[in-house]
């Protein structure tokens, strides 16, 4: 009796396993149809890859979304070292005061700045035009003008932004393609 009970259970388990494999196989996207990321996601992924590599070369662990700040003194010091390496430290080298009066500053010495230089080809110019373009709505509100009229005032910056972003998208695709073709060490995905 024990044998007959084990066989139906084994058969049921095998059928269930086969069904799961079949359903799982049907749910997968065929290899011929790769998942297409939005351009912003492609650039973000490449920037993440570059900043992670930069931090790792410095012996630091890249931060991750949802990661809580350290509570011990050593953990806070580690978090500060990571932030300085990622965003830069000391005096800010880049600064732009917007028409709203708000000043935006950035460093040129951190991993993020290096990633932007690699992707956009000109980190200083990218800082300037992206800061202007990302603040067109607040500028329109501040000037009490329509967004389209403010965009017209910044035609040159918008053209530079599009050109630099197109450059970053091309560089990002190339970087991600090269990274995915490279052999990965064990335990890396």
N, C-alpha and C. Protein backbone atom coordinates (compact mmCIF):
# COMPACT_ATOMS: atom_id res chain seq x y z
N UNK A 1 0.81 -1.18 0.00
CA UNK A 1 0.00 0.00 0.00
C UNK A 1 0.86 1.26 0.00
N UNK A 2 1.93 1.24 0.70
CA UNK A 2 2.85 2.37 0.73
C UNK A 2 3.37 2.68 -0.68
N UNK A 3 3.68 1.64 -1.48
CA UNK A 3 4.19 1.81 -2.82
C UNK A 3 3.15 2.44 -3.73
N UNK A 4 1.90 2.01 -3.65
CA UNK A 4 0.87 2.57 -4.51
C UNK A 4 0.58 4.03 -4.17
N UNK A 5 0.68 4.40 -2.91
CA UNK A 5 0.48 5.79 -2.53
C UNK A 5 1.63 6.65 -3.03
N UNK A 6 2.85 6.15 -2.99
CA UNK A 6 4.02 6.91 -3.43
C UNK A 6 4.00 7.13 -4.93
N UNK A 7 3.55 6.13 -5.70
CA UNK A 7 3.53 6.28 -7.16
C UNK A 7 2.58 7.37 -7.62
N UNK A 8 1.33 7.40 -7.14
CA UNK A 8 0.46 8.49 -7.58
C UNK A 8 1.00 9.86 -7.17
N UNK A 9 1.60 9.96 -6.00
CA UNK A 9 2.17 11.24 -5.58
C UNK A 9 3.34 11.63 -6.49
N UNK A 10 4.18 10.66 -6.79
CA UNK A 10 5.32 10.93 -7.68
C UNK A 10 4.83 11.31 -9.07
N UNK A 11 3.81 10.61 -9.55
CA UNK A 11 3.26 10.93 -10.86
C UNK A 11 2.63 12.32 -10.85
N UNK A 12 1.91 12.63 -9.80
CA UNK A 12 1.28 13.96 -9.70
C UNK A 12 2.34 15.04 -9.61
N UNK A 13 3.38 14.79 -8.85
CA UNK A 13 4.48 15.74 -8.73
C UNK A 13 5.15 15.94 -10.08
N UNK A 14 5.37 14.85 -10.82
CA UNK A 14 5.99 14.94 -12.15
C UNK A 14 5.12 15.73 -13.10
N UNK A 15 3.81 15.46 -13.07
CA UNK A 15 2.89 16.20 -13.94
C UNK A 15 2.86 17.68 -13.58
N UNK A 16 2.85 17.97 -12.30
CA UNK A 16 2.85 19.36 -11.85
C UNK A 16 4.13 20.06 -12.29
N UNK A 17 5.27 19.40 -12.13
CA UNK A 17 6.55 19.95 -12.54
C UNK A 17 6.56 20.21 -14.04
N UNK A 18 6.08 19.23 -14.83
CA UNK A 18 6.02 19.40 -16.29
C UNK A 18 5.12 20.56 -16.67
N UNK A 19 3.98 20.69 -15.98
CA UNK A 19 3.04 21.77 -16.27
C UNK A 19 3.68 23.12 -15.96
N UNK A 20 4.39 23.20 -14.83
CA UNK A 20 5.07 24.45 -14.48
C UNK A 20 6.14 24.81 -15.50
N UNK A 21 6.90 23.82 -15.92
CA UNK A 21 7.93 24.07 -16.93
C UNK A 21 7.32 24.51 -18.24
N UNK A 22 6.23 23.88 -18.63
CA UNK A 22 5.56 24.22 -19.87
C UNK A 22 4.99 25.63 -19.80
N UNK A 23 4.30 25.96 -18.71
CA UNK A 23 3.74 27.29 -18.55
C UNK A 23 4.85 28.33 -18.47
N UNK A 24 5.89 28.01 -17.71
CA UNK A 24 7.02 28.93 -17.59
C UNK A 24 7.68 29.16 -18.93
N UNK A 25 7.80 28.14 -19.74
CA UNK A 25 8.40 28.28 -21.06
C UNK A 25 7.53 29.11 -21.98
N UNK A 26 6.23 29.00 -21.85
CA UNK A 26 5.32 29.78 -22.69
C UNK A 26 5.33 31.25 -22.29
N UNK A 27 5.61 31.53 -21.03
CA UNK A 27 5.56 32.90 -20.55
C UNK A 27 6.83 33.67 -20.91
N UNK A 28 7.87 32.98 -21.31
CA UNK A 28 9.12 33.66 -21.62
C UNK A 28 9.03 34.36 -22.97
N UNK A 29 9.74 35.49 -23.07
CA UNK A 29 9.83 36.20 -24.34
C UNK A 29 10.83 35.45 -25.21
N UNK A 30 10.49 35.18 -26.46
CA UNK A 30 11.44 34.48 -27.34
C UNK A 30 12.74 35.29 -27.47
N UNK A 31 13.85 34.61 -27.60
CA UNK A 31 15.16 35.27 -27.71
C UNK A 31 15.23 36.20 -28.92
N UNK A 32 14.50 35.89 -29.96
CA UNK A 32 14.54 36.72 -31.17
C UNK A 32 13.89 38.08 -30.95
N UNK A 33 13.10 38.22 -29.89
CA UNK A 33 12.44 39.48 -29.59
C UNK A 33 13.00 40.02 -28.28
N UNK A 34 14.10 40.78 -28.32
CA UNK A 34 14.69 41.28 -27.08
C UNK A 34 13.79 42.33 -26.43
N UNK A 35 13.89 42.42 -25.11
CA UNK A 35 13.14 43.43 -24.36
C UNK A 35 13.73 44.79 -24.72
N UNK A 36 12.87 45.72 -25.07
CA UNK A 36 13.33 47.05 -25.48
C UNK A 36 13.14 48.01 -24.32
N UNK A 37 14.23 48.61 -23.90
CA UNK A 37 14.17 49.60 -22.83
C UNK A 37 13.96 50.99 -23.42
N UNK A 38 13.36 51.85 -22.66
CA UNK A 38 13.20 53.25 -23.05
C UNK A 38 14.59 53.90 -23.05
N UNK A 39 14.81 54.91 -23.88
CA UNK A 39 16.13 55.57 -23.92
C UNK A 39 16.63 56.04 -22.56
N UNK A 40 15.76 56.62 -21.75
CA UNK A 40 16.19 57.07 -20.42
C UNK A 40 16.67 55.90 -19.56
N UNK A 41 16.00 54.75 -19.68
CA UNK A 41 16.39 53.57 -18.91
C UNK A 41 17.73 53.02 -19.38
N UNK A 42 17.98 53.09 -20.67
CA UNK A 42 19.26 52.63 -21.23
C UNK A 42 20.40 53.50 -20.69
N UNK A 43 20.21 54.80 -20.73
CA UNK A 43 21.24 55.72 -20.23
C UNK A 43 21.44 55.53 -18.73
N UNK A 44 20.34 55.38 -17.98
CA UNK A 44 20.45 55.16 -16.54
C UNK A 44 21.20 53.87 -16.23
N UNK A 45 20.92 52.80 -16.99
CA UNK A 45 21.60 51.52 -16.76
C UNK A 45 23.10 51.64 -17.03
N UNK A 46 23.46 52.33 -18.10
CA UNK A 46 24.88 52.51 -18.42
C UNK A 46 25.56 53.38 -17.36
N UNK A 47 24.89 54.42 -16.94
CA UNK A 47 25.46 55.29 -15.90
C UNK A 47 25.66 54.51 -14.60
N UNK A 48 24.69 53.67 -14.26
CA UNK A 48 24.79 52.83 -13.06
C UNK A 48 25.99 51.89 -13.18
N UNK A 49 26.14 51.28 -14.35
CA UNK A 49 27.25 50.36 -14.56
C UNK A 49 28.58 51.09 -14.39
N UNK A 50 28.69 52.28 -14.98
CA UNK A 50 29.94 53.05 -14.88
C UNK A 50 30.22 53.49 -13.44
N UNK A 51 29.21 53.99 -12.74
CA UNK A 51 29.44 54.45 -11.36
C UNK A 51 29.76 53.27 -10.45
N UNK A 52 29.09 52.14 -10.67
CA UNK A 52 29.40 50.94 -9.86
C UNK A 52 30.85 50.51 -10.06
N UNK A 53 31.30 50.50 -11.30
CA UNK A 53 32.69 50.11 -11.58
C UNK A 53 33.66 51.08 -10.92
N UNK A 54 33.36 52.36 -11.01
CA UNK A 54 34.23 53.39 -10.43
C UNK A 54 34.34 53.20 -8.91
N UNK A 55 33.21 53.00 -8.26
CA UNK A 55 33.23 52.81 -6.81
C UNK A 55 33.96 51.52 -6.43
N UNK A 56 33.71 50.46 -7.19
CA UNK A 56 34.35 49.18 -6.90
C UNK A 56 35.86 49.28 -7.05
N UNK A 57 36.33 50.01 -8.06
CA UNK A 57 37.78 50.21 -8.25
C UNK A 57 38.40 50.91 -7.04
N UNK A 58 37.60 51.69 -6.32
CA UNK A 58 38.08 52.39 -5.13
C UNK A 58 37.88 51.56 -3.87
N UNK A 59 37.45 50.32 -4.03
CA UNK A 59 37.25 49.44 -2.89
C UNK A 59 35.97 49.73 -2.12
N UNK A 60 35.01 50.40 -2.76
CA UNK A 60 33.76 50.76 -2.10
C UNK A 60 32.60 49.95 -2.67
N UNK A 61 31.59 49.73 -1.86
CA UNK A 61 30.41 49.00 -2.29
C UNK A 61 29.38 50.00 -2.79
N UNK A 62 28.95 49.86 -4.05
CA UNK A 62 27.96 50.79 -4.59
C UNK A 62 26.65 50.73 -3.81
N UNK A 63 26.03 51.89 -3.57
CA UNK A 63 24.76 51.91 -2.85
C UNK A 63 23.64 51.38 -3.73
N UNK A 64 22.57 50.93 -3.13
CA UNK A 64 21.41 50.41 -3.85
C UNK A 64 20.15 51.09 -3.32
N UNK A 65 19.16 51.19 -4.19
CA UNK A 65 17.88 51.80 -3.81
C UNK A 65 17.30 51.04 -2.62
N UNK A 66 16.76 51.78 -1.68
CA UNK A 66 16.16 51.17 -0.50
C UNK A 66 17.15 50.82 0.60
N UNK A 67 18.44 50.97 0.32
CA UNK A 67 19.46 50.67 1.32
C UNK A 67 19.40 51.74 2.40
N UNK A 68 19.35 51.31 3.62
CA UNK A 68 19.25 52.25 4.74
C UNK A 68 20.63 52.74 5.14
N UNK A 69 20.71 53.99 5.57
CA UNK A 69 21.99 54.51 6.04
C UNK A 69 22.47 53.75 7.26
N UNK A 70 23.77 53.70 7.41
CA UNK A 70 24.36 53.01 8.55
C UNK A 70 24.04 53.73 9.85
N UNK A 71 23.97 52.96 10.91
CA UNK A 71 23.65 53.56 12.22
C UNK A 71 24.88 53.66 13.11
N UNK A 72 25.88 52.83 12.85
CA UNK A 72 27.10 52.91 13.66
C UNK A 72 28.00 54.00 13.09
N UNK A 73 28.94 54.41 13.90
CA UNK A 73 29.88 55.45 13.44
C UNK A 73 30.66 54.97 12.22
N UNK A 74 31.11 53.72 12.25
CA UNK A 74 31.87 53.16 11.13
C UNK A 74 31.01 53.10 9.87
N UNK A 75 29.75 52.73 10.02
CA UNK A 75 28.85 52.65 8.87
C UNK A 75 28.57 54.04 8.30
N UNK A 76 28.39 55.03 9.17
CA UNK A 76 28.16 56.41 8.70
C UNK A 76 29.39 56.93 7.97
N UNK A 77 30.59 56.62 8.48
CA UNK A 77 31.83 57.04 7.81
C UNK A 77 31.96 56.36 6.46
N UNK A 78 31.61 55.08 6.39
CA UNK A 78 31.63 54.34 5.12
C UNK A 78 30.65 54.98 4.13
N UNK A 79 29.44 55.29 4.58
CA UNK A 79 28.43 55.91 3.72
C UNK A 79 28.92 57.26 3.20
N UNK A 80 29.61 58.01 4.06
CA UNK A 80 30.14 59.31 3.65
C UNK A 80 31.24 59.15 2.60
N UNK A 81 32.11 58.15 2.78
CA UNK A 81 33.16 57.88 1.78
C UNK A 81 32.54 57.52 0.44
N UNK A 82 31.49 56.71 0.46
CA UNK A 82 30.80 56.32 -0.77
C UNK A 82 30.17 57.54 -1.42
N UNK A 83 29.50 58.38 -0.64
CA UNK A 83 28.86 59.58 -1.18
C UNK A 83 29.90 60.52 -1.79
N UNK A 84 31.04 60.72 -1.09
CA UNK A 84 32.10 61.59 -1.62
C UNK A 84 32.67 61.02 -2.93
N UNK A 85 32.88 59.72 -2.97
CA UNK A 85 33.41 59.10 -4.18
C UNK A 85 32.40 59.16 -5.32
N UNK A 86 31.14 59.01 -5.01
CA UNK A 86 30.10 59.02 -6.03
C UNK A 86 29.82 60.42 -6.55
N UNK A 87 29.61 61.37 -5.65
CA UNK A 87 29.18 62.71 -6.05
C UNK A 87 30.29 63.75 -6.09
N UNK A 88 31.48 63.42 -5.56
CA UNK A 88 32.57 64.37 -5.51
C UNK A 88 32.65 64.99 -4.13
N UNK A 89 33.76 65.63 -3.86
CA UNK A 89 33.97 66.21 -2.54
C UNK A 89 34.65 67.57 -2.68
N UNK A 90 34.64 68.30 -1.60
CA UNK A 90 35.30 69.60 -1.59
C UNK A 90 34.44 70.66 -2.26
N UNK A 91 35.12 71.68 -2.77
CA UNK A 91 34.45 72.80 -3.42
C UNK A 91 33.79 72.32 -4.72
N UNK A 92 32.56 72.76 -4.96
CA UNK A 92 31.88 72.40 -6.22
C UNK A 92 32.45 73.22 -7.36
N UNK A 93 32.76 72.53 -8.43
CA UNK A 93 33.38 73.18 -9.57
C UNK A 93 32.37 73.74 -10.57
N UNK A 94 31.17 73.19 -10.58
CA UNK A 94 30.14 73.63 -11.51
C UNK A 94 29.01 74.30 -10.76
N UNK A 95 28.53 75.41 -11.28
CA UNK A 95 27.43 76.12 -10.64
C UNK A 95 26.65 76.88 -11.69
N UNK A 96 25.34 76.88 -11.54
CA UNK A 96 24.48 77.62 -12.45
C UNK A 96 23.32 78.18 -11.63
N UNK A 97 23.14 79.50 -11.70
CA UNK A 97 22.01 80.14 -11.03
C UNK A 97 20.89 80.29 -12.05
N UNK A 98 19.76 79.73 -11.72
CA UNK A 98 18.60 79.74 -12.61
C UNK A 98 17.85 81.06 -12.50
N UNK A 99 17.02 81.38 -13.47
CA UNK A 99 16.22 82.61 -13.40
C UNK A 99 15.33 82.69 -12.16
N UNK A 100 15.02 81.55 -11.57
CA UNK A 100 14.21 81.53 -10.35
C UNK A 100 15.01 81.95 -9.13
N UNK A 101 16.33 82.07 -9.30
CA UNK A 101 17.21 82.43 -8.19
C UNK A 101 17.85 81.23 -7.54
N UNK A 102 17.37 80.04 -7.87
CA UNK A 102 17.90 78.80 -7.29
C UNK A 102 19.25 78.49 -7.94
N UNK A 103 20.26 78.19 -7.14
CA UNK A 103 21.58 77.83 -7.64
C UNK A 103 21.76 76.32 -7.59
N UNK A 104 22.22 75.75 -8.70
CA UNK A 104 22.48 74.32 -8.78
C UNK A 104 23.99 74.14 -8.89
N UNK A 105 24.53 73.22 -8.09
CA UNK A 105 25.98 73.00 -8.07
C UNK A 105 26.27 71.52 -8.24
N UNK A 106 27.45 71.24 -8.80
CA UNK A 106 27.87 69.85 -8.96
C UNK A 106 29.39 69.79 -8.97
N UNK A 107 29.88 68.60 -8.71
CA UNK A 107 31.32 68.34 -8.71
C UNK A 107 31.74 67.75 -10.06
N UNK A 108 33.01 67.85 -10.34
CA UNK A 108 33.57 67.23 -11.54
C UNK A 108 34.49 66.07 -11.20
N UNK A 109 34.63 65.76 -9.90
CA UNK A 109 35.61 64.75 -9.50
C UNK A 109 35.03 63.44 -9.01
N UNK A 110 33.73 63.25 -8.99
CA UNK A 110 33.16 62.00 -8.50
C UNK A 110 32.90 60.99 -9.61
N UNK A 111 32.48 59.81 -9.21
CA UNK A 111 32.17 58.74 -10.16
C UNK A 111 31.02 59.13 -11.08
N UNK A 112 30.04 59.86 -10.55
CA UNK A 112 28.92 60.30 -11.37
C UNK A 112 29.41 61.26 -12.46
N UNK A 113 30.28 62.18 -12.11
CA UNK A 113 30.83 63.12 -13.10
C UNK A 113 31.62 62.37 -14.17
N UNK A 114 32.40 61.37 -13.75
CA UNK A 114 33.17 60.57 -14.72
C UNK A 114 32.23 59.81 -15.66
N UNK A 115 31.15 59.26 -15.12
CA UNK A 115 30.17 58.55 -15.95
C UNK A 115 29.52 59.50 -16.94
N UNK A 116 29.17 60.69 -16.48
CA UNK A 116 28.56 61.67 -17.38
C UNK A 116 29.55 62.10 -18.47
N UNK A 117 30.80 62.27 -18.11
CA UNK A 117 31.82 62.61 -19.11
C UNK A 117 31.91 61.51 -20.16
N UNK A 118 31.93 60.26 -19.72
CA UNK A 118 32.02 59.13 -20.64
C UNK A 118 30.81 59.06 -21.55
N UNK A 119 29.62 59.21 -20.99
CA UNK A 119 28.39 59.04 -21.78
C UNK A 119 28.06 60.25 -22.65
N UNK A 120 28.15 61.44 -22.09
CA UNK A 120 27.73 62.64 -22.81
C UNK A 120 28.86 63.30 -23.59
N UNK A 121 30.11 62.96 -23.26
CA UNK A 121 31.25 63.52 -23.97
C UNK A 121 31.70 64.86 -23.45
N UNK A 122 30.88 65.55 -22.67
CA UNK A 122 31.22 66.86 -22.13
C UNK A 122 30.38 67.07 -20.87
N UNK A 123 30.93 66.71 -19.73
CA UNK A 123 30.17 66.76 -18.47
C UNK A 123 29.78 68.18 -18.11
N UNK A 124 30.65 69.13 -18.34
CA UNK A 124 30.33 70.53 -18.00
C UNK A 124 29.16 71.04 -18.83
N UNK A 125 29.21 70.79 -20.12
CA UNK A 125 28.12 71.24 -20.99
C UNK A 125 26.82 70.50 -20.62
N UNK A 126 26.91 69.17 -20.36
CA UNK A 126 25.73 68.42 -19.98
C UNK A 126 25.12 68.98 -18.69
N UNK A 127 25.95 69.29 -17.71
CA UNK A 127 25.46 69.88 -16.47
C UNK A 127 24.67 71.15 -16.77
N UNK A 128 25.23 72.02 -17.58
CA UNK A 128 24.59 73.29 -17.87
C UNK A 128 23.26 73.12 -18.59
N UNK A 129 23.27 72.39 -19.72
CA UNK A 129 22.04 72.29 -20.51
C UNK A 129 20.98 71.43 -19.81
N UNK A 130 21.39 70.38 -19.13
CA UNK A 130 20.39 69.55 -18.45
C UNK A 130 19.76 70.29 -17.28
N UNK A 131 20.55 71.13 -16.61
CA UNK A 131 20.00 71.93 -15.51
C UNK A 131 18.97 72.93 -16.05
N UNK A 132 19.29 73.58 -17.15
CA UNK A 132 18.34 74.52 -17.75
C UNK A 132 17.09 73.80 -18.22
N UNK A 133 17.26 72.72 -18.99
CA UNK A 133 16.12 71.99 -19.55
C UNK A 133 15.26 71.39 -18.45
N UNK A 134 15.86 70.87 -17.41
CA UNK A 134 15.10 70.25 -16.32
C UNK A 134 14.35 71.27 -15.46
N UNK A 135 14.63 72.54 -15.68
CA UNK A 135 13.99 73.59 -14.88
C UNK A 135 13.18 74.57 -15.72
N UNK A 136 12.73 74.16 -16.89
CA UNK A 136 11.95 75.04 -17.75
C UNK A 136 10.57 75.34 -17.14
N UNK A 137 9.93 74.35 -16.55
CA UNK A 137 8.60 74.58 -15.95
C UNK A 137 8.67 75.58 -14.79
N UNK A 138 9.62 75.40 -13.85
CA UNK A 138 9.72 76.41 -12.78
C UNK A 138 10.05 77.80 -13.32
N UNK A 139 10.87 77.85 -14.38
CA UNK A 139 11.19 79.15 -14.96
C UNK A 139 9.94 79.79 -15.56
N UNK A 140 9.12 79.01 -16.26
CA UNK A 140 7.88 79.53 -16.85
C UNK A 140 6.97 80.08 -15.75
N UNK A 141 6.86 79.34 -14.65
CA UNK A 141 6.03 79.80 -13.54
C UNK A 141 6.60 81.08 -12.93
N UNK A 142 7.91 81.13 -12.76
CA UNK A 142 8.57 82.30 -12.18
C UNK A 142 8.39 83.53 -13.06
N UNK A 143 8.51 83.34 -14.36
CA UNK A 143 8.37 84.46 -15.31
C UNK A 143 6.92 84.76 -15.66
N UNK A 144 6.01 83.90 -15.19
CA UNK A 144 4.59 84.01 -15.52
C UNK A 144 4.39 84.01 -17.04
N UNK A 145 5.06 83.03 -17.67
CA UNK A 145 4.97 82.86 -19.13
C UNK A 145 4.60 81.43 -19.42
N UNK A 146 4.20 81.19 -20.65
CA UNK A 146 3.86 79.81 -21.04
C UNK A 146 5.15 79.00 -21.19
N UNK A 147 5.00 77.70 -21.00
CA UNK A 147 6.15 76.81 -21.16
C UNK A 147 6.69 76.88 -22.58
N UNK A 148 5.81 76.98 -23.57
CA UNK A 148 6.28 77.04 -24.97
C UNK A 148 7.10 78.30 -25.22
N UNK A 149 6.73 79.43 -24.61
CA UNK A 149 7.53 80.65 -24.81
C UNK A 149 8.90 80.53 -24.13
N UNK A 150 8.94 79.90 -22.97
CA UNK A 150 10.22 79.70 -22.27
C UNK A 150 11.08 78.71 -23.07
N UNK A 151 10.46 77.66 -23.60
CA UNK A 151 11.20 76.71 -24.44
C UNK A 151 11.80 77.43 -25.65
N UNK A 152 11.05 78.35 -26.23
CA UNK A 152 11.55 79.12 -27.38
C UNK A 152 12.76 79.97 -26.98
N UNK A 153 12.75 80.50 -25.76
CA UNK A 153 13.88 81.28 -25.27
C UNK A 153 15.14 80.43 -25.11
N UNK A 154 14.94 79.13 -24.90
CA UNK A 154 16.06 78.22 -24.64
C UNK A 154 16.26 77.23 -25.78
N UNK A 155 16.00 77.67 -26.99
CA UNK A 155 16.14 76.82 -28.17
C UNK A 155 17.55 76.22 -28.29
N UNK A 156 18.56 77.02 -28.02
CA UNK A 156 19.95 76.57 -28.13
C UNK A 156 20.25 75.48 -27.10
N UNK A 157 19.83 75.70 -25.86
CA UNK A 157 20.06 74.70 -24.81
C UNK A 157 19.32 73.40 -25.12
N UNK A 158 18.09 73.52 -25.63
CA UNK A 158 17.31 72.33 -25.98
C UNK A 158 17.99 71.54 -27.11
N UNK A 159 18.54 72.25 -28.10
CA UNK A 159 19.25 71.58 -29.19
C UNK A 159 20.50 70.87 -28.66
N UNK A 160 21.25 71.56 -27.79
CA UNK A 160 22.44 70.94 -27.18
C UNK A 160 22.04 69.72 -26.34
N UNK A 161 20.95 69.84 -25.57
CA UNK A 161 20.47 68.75 -24.73
C UNK A 161 20.15 67.53 -25.60
N UNK A 162 19.43 67.74 -26.70
CA UNK A 162 19.08 66.62 -27.60
C UNK A 162 20.34 65.98 -28.19
N UNK A 163 21.29 66.80 -28.62
CA UNK A 163 22.52 66.28 -29.21
C UNK A 163 23.33 65.48 -28.20
N UNK A 164 23.51 66.01 -27.01
CA UNK A 164 24.27 65.31 -25.97
C UNK A 164 23.56 64.04 -25.51
N UNK A 165 22.24 64.10 -25.42
CA UNK A 165 21.47 62.92 -25.01
C UNK A 165 21.56 61.83 -26.08
N UNK A 166 21.51 62.21 -27.35
CA UNK A 166 21.65 61.22 -28.43
C UNK A 166 23.04 60.58 -28.37
N UNK A 167 24.06 61.38 -28.08
CA UNK A 167 25.42 60.86 -27.92
C UNK A 167 25.47 59.87 -26.75
N UNK A 168 24.83 60.24 -25.64
CA UNK A 168 24.82 59.37 -24.46
C UNK A 168 24.07 58.07 -24.74
N UNK A 169 23.00 58.13 -25.49
CA UNK A 169 22.24 56.93 -25.81
C UNK A 169 23.08 55.98 -26.66
N UNK A 170 23.77 56.52 -27.65
CA UNK A 170 24.65 55.69 -28.49
C UNK A 170 25.76 55.06 -27.65
N UNK A 171 26.41 55.87 -26.81
CA UNK A 171 27.49 55.36 -25.95
C UNK A 171 26.96 54.33 -24.96
N UNK A 172 25.76 54.57 -24.42
CA UNK A 172 25.16 53.66 -23.44
C UNK A 172 24.86 52.30 -24.07
N UNK A 173 24.28 52.31 -25.24
CA UNK A 173 23.97 51.05 -25.93
C UNK A 173 25.25 50.27 -26.19
N UNK A 174 26.28 50.96 -26.63
CA UNK A 174 27.56 50.31 -26.91
C UNK A 174 28.16 49.73 -25.63
N UNK A 175 28.14 50.51 -24.57
CA UNK A 175 28.70 50.07 -23.28
C UNK A 175 27.94 48.86 -22.74
N UNK A 176 26.62 48.90 -22.79
CA UNK A 176 25.83 47.78 -22.27
C UNK A 176 25.98 46.54 -23.13
N UNK A 177 26.07 46.73 -24.44
CA UNK A 177 26.27 45.59 -25.34
C UNK A 177 27.63 44.94 -25.06
N UNK A 178 28.66 45.75 -24.93
CA UNK A 178 30.01 45.24 -24.66
C UNK A 178 30.04 44.53 -23.30
N UNK A 179 29.35 45.09 -22.32
CA UNK A 179 29.33 44.48 -20.98
C UNK A 179 28.59 43.16 -20.98
N UNK A 180 27.51 43.06 -21.76
CA UNK A 180 26.76 41.82 -21.75
C UNK A 180 27.46 40.73 -22.56
N UNK A 181 28.34 41.11 -23.50
CA UNK A 181 29.11 40.14 -24.28
C UNK A 181 30.32 39.62 -23.52
N UNK A 182 30.77 40.38 -22.53
CA UNK A 182 31.97 40.01 -21.79
C UNK A 182 31.68 38.83 -20.87
N UNK A 183 32.63 37.95 -20.70
CA UNK A 183 32.42 36.84 -19.74
C UNK A 183 32.24 37.40 -18.34
N UNK A 184 31.33 36.80 -17.59
CA UNK A 184 31.05 37.25 -16.23
C UNK A 184 31.70 36.30 -15.23
N UNK A 185 32.23 36.86 -14.17
CA UNK A 185 32.78 36.00 -13.12
C UNK A 185 31.65 35.24 -12.44
N UNK A 186 31.99 34.12 -11.82
CA UNK A 186 31.00 33.34 -11.09
C UNK A 186 30.33 34.19 -10.03
N UNK A 187 29.01 34.02 -9.91
CA UNK A 187 28.26 34.76 -8.90
C UNK A 187 27.85 36.14 -9.35
N UNK A 188 28.12 36.53 -10.61
CA UNK A 188 27.76 37.85 -11.10
C UNK A 188 26.62 37.75 -12.10
N UNK A 189 25.50 37.27 -11.66
CA UNK A 189 24.31 37.29 -12.46
C UNK A 189 24.09 36.13 -13.29
